[in-house]
N, C-alpha and C. Protein backbone atom coordinates (compact mmCIF):
# COMPACT_ATOMS: atom_id res chain seq x y z
N MET A 1 0.85 -1.18 0.00
CA MET A 1 0.00 0.00 0.00
C MET A 1 0.89 1.24 0.00
N LYS A 2 0.57 2.18 -0.85
CA LYS A 2 1.32 3.43 -0.92
C LYS A 2 0.57 4.49 -0.12
N ILE A 3 1.28 5.15 0.76
CA ILE A 3 0.69 6.21 1.57
C ILE A 3 1.23 7.54 1.08
N THR A 4 0.34 8.47 0.83
CA THR A 4 0.75 9.80 0.39
C THR A 4 0.17 10.84 1.35
N PHE A 5 0.83 11.95 1.43
CA PHE A 5 0.41 13.05 2.30
C PHE A 5 -0.07 14.21 1.45
N LEU A 6 -1.09 14.87 1.91
CA LEU A 6 -1.48 16.14 1.32
C LEU A 6 -0.41 17.16 1.65
N GLU A 7 -0.30 18.20 0.85
CA GLU A 7 0.71 19.23 1.10
C GLU A 7 0.57 19.83 2.49
N GLU A 8 -0.67 20.06 2.92
CA GLU A 8 -0.89 20.63 4.25
C GLU A 8 -0.38 19.69 5.34
N ALA A 9 -0.59 18.40 5.15
CA ALA A 9 -0.11 17.42 6.13
C ALA A 9 1.42 17.38 6.16
N LYS A 10 2.05 17.50 5.00
CA LYS A 10 3.51 17.54 4.96
C LYS A 10 4.02 18.75 5.74
N TYR A 11 3.37 19.89 5.54
CA TYR A 11 3.75 21.11 6.25
C TYR A 11 3.59 20.91 7.76
N GLU A 12 2.48 20.33 8.18
CA GLU A 12 2.24 20.10 9.61
C GLU A 12 3.28 19.15 10.19
N LEU A 13 3.64 18.12 9.43
CA LEU A 13 4.66 17.18 9.91
C LEU A 13 5.99 17.91 10.07
N ASP A 14 6.36 18.71 9.09
CA ASP A 14 7.60 19.48 9.20
C ASP A 14 7.58 20.41 10.41
N GLU A 15 6.45 21.04 10.66
CA GLU A 15 6.32 21.92 11.82
C GLU A 15 6.46 21.13 13.12
N ALA A 16 5.86 19.96 13.18
CA ALA A 16 5.95 19.14 14.39
C ALA A 16 7.39 18.69 14.62
N ILE A 17 8.07 18.30 13.56
CA ILE A 17 9.47 17.88 13.68
C ILE A 17 10.31 19.04 14.21
N GLU A 18 10.10 20.22 13.67
CA GLU A 18 10.84 21.39 14.14
C GLU A 18 10.55 21.69 15.61
N TYR A 19 9.28 21.57 16.00
CA TYR A 19 8.88 21.80 17.38
C TYR A 19 9.63 20.85 18.32
N TYR A 20 9.63 19.55 17.97
CA TYR A 20 10.28 18.57 18.84
C TYR A 20 11.79 18.79 18.90
N ASP A 21 12.38 19.25 17.81
CA ASP A 21 13.81 19.55 17.83
C ASP A 21 14.10 20.69 18.79
N LEU A 22 13.22 21.67 18.85
CA LEU A 22 13.42 22.79 19.77
C LEU A 22 13.24 22.38 21.23
N GLN A 23 12.42 21.35 21.45
CA GLN A 23 12.19 20.89 22.83
C GLN A 23 13.40 20.17 23.39
N SER A 24 14.03 19.35 22.53
CA SER A 24 15.19 18.58 22.97
C SER A 24 15.92 18.07 21.73
N PRO A 25 17.21 18.37 21.61
CA PRO A 25 17.96 17.89 20.45
C PRO A 25 17.85 16.37 20.30
N GLY A 26 17.53 15.95 19.10
CA GLY A 26 17.38 14.52 18.83
C GLY A 26 15.96 14.02 18.96
N LEU A 27 15.14 14.76 19.68
CA LEU A 27 13.74 14.34 19.85
C LEU A 27 13.00 14.37 18.52
N ASP A 28 13.41 15.27 17.64
CA ASP A 28 12.79 15.34 16.32
C ASP A 28 12.98 14.04 15.55
N GLN A 29 14.17 13.47 15.64
CA GLN A 29 14.44 12.22 14.93
C GLN A 29 13.66 11.05 15.53
N GLN A 30 13.53 11.05 16.85
CA GLN A 30 12.73 10.00 17.51
C GLN A 30 11.28 10.11 17.08
N PHE A 31 10.77 11.31 17.05
CA PHE A 31 9.39 11.54 16.63
C PHE A 31 9.18 11.08 15.19
N PHE A 32 10.08 11.50 14.29
CA PHE A 32 9.94 11.14 12.89
C PHE A 32 10.02 9.63 12.70
N GLN A 33 10.88 8.96 13.46
CA GLN A 33 10.98 7.51 13.36
C GLN A 33 9.68 6.85 13.80
N GLU A 34 9.05 7.39 14.82
CA GLU A 34 7.76 6.84 15.26
C GLU A 34 6.68 7.06 14.20
N VAL A 35 6.72 8.20 13.53
CA VAL A 35 5.78 8.44 12.42
C VAL A 35 6.00 7.39 11.34
N LEU A 36 7.25 7.16 10.97
CA LEU A 36 7.54 6.15 9.95
C LEU A 36 7.10 4.76 10.38
N ASN A 37 7.34 4.41 11.64
CA ASN A 37 6.91 3.11 12.15
C ASN A 37 5.39 2.96 12.07
N THR A 38 4.69 4.02 12.41
CA THR A 38 3.23 3.99 12.36
C THR A 38 2.74 3.84 10.92
N LEU A 39 3.36 4.57 10.00
CA LEU A 39 2.98 4.46 8.59
C LEU A 39 3.22 3.04 8.08
N ASP A 40 4.31 2.41 8.51
CA ASP A 40 4.58 1.03 8.12
C ASP A 40 3.47 0.10 8.61
N ARG A 41 3.02 0.31 9.85
CA ARG A 41 1.95 -0.53 10.40
C ARG A 41 0.65 -0.30 9.64
N VAL A 42 0.34 0.94 9.34
CA VAL A 42 -0.88 1.25 8.59
C VAL A 42 -0.83 0.59 7.20
N ALA A 43 0.32 0.67 6.56
CA ALA A 43 0.47 0.06 5.22
C ALA A 43 0.36 -1.47 5.28
N SER A 44 0.83 -2.03 6.37
CA SER A 44 0.81 -3.50 6.50
C SER A 44 -0.56 -4.03 6.90
N PHE A 45 -1.31 -3.22 7.63
CA PHE A 45 -2.62 -3.65 8.14
C PHE A 45 -3.67 -2.57 7.85
N PRO A 46 -4.00 -2.39 6.58
CA PRO A 46 -4.97 -1.31 6.25
C PRO A 46 -6.30 -1.64 6.78
C-alpha cells in the first residue's frame, strides 16, 4: 500500500518535527521515526 500526504499534512509534519527539535535535540528524529513506524503498520494492516 502506498501512503501519500497532502501538502498541508507535509507542512504540519515538518512543523511538528521542528517543534520537537526545539524541545530537545534529537527528539525530532525520535518523533519522525515513530511516524515512519506507524505508517509502516498502517500500510501492513490497512
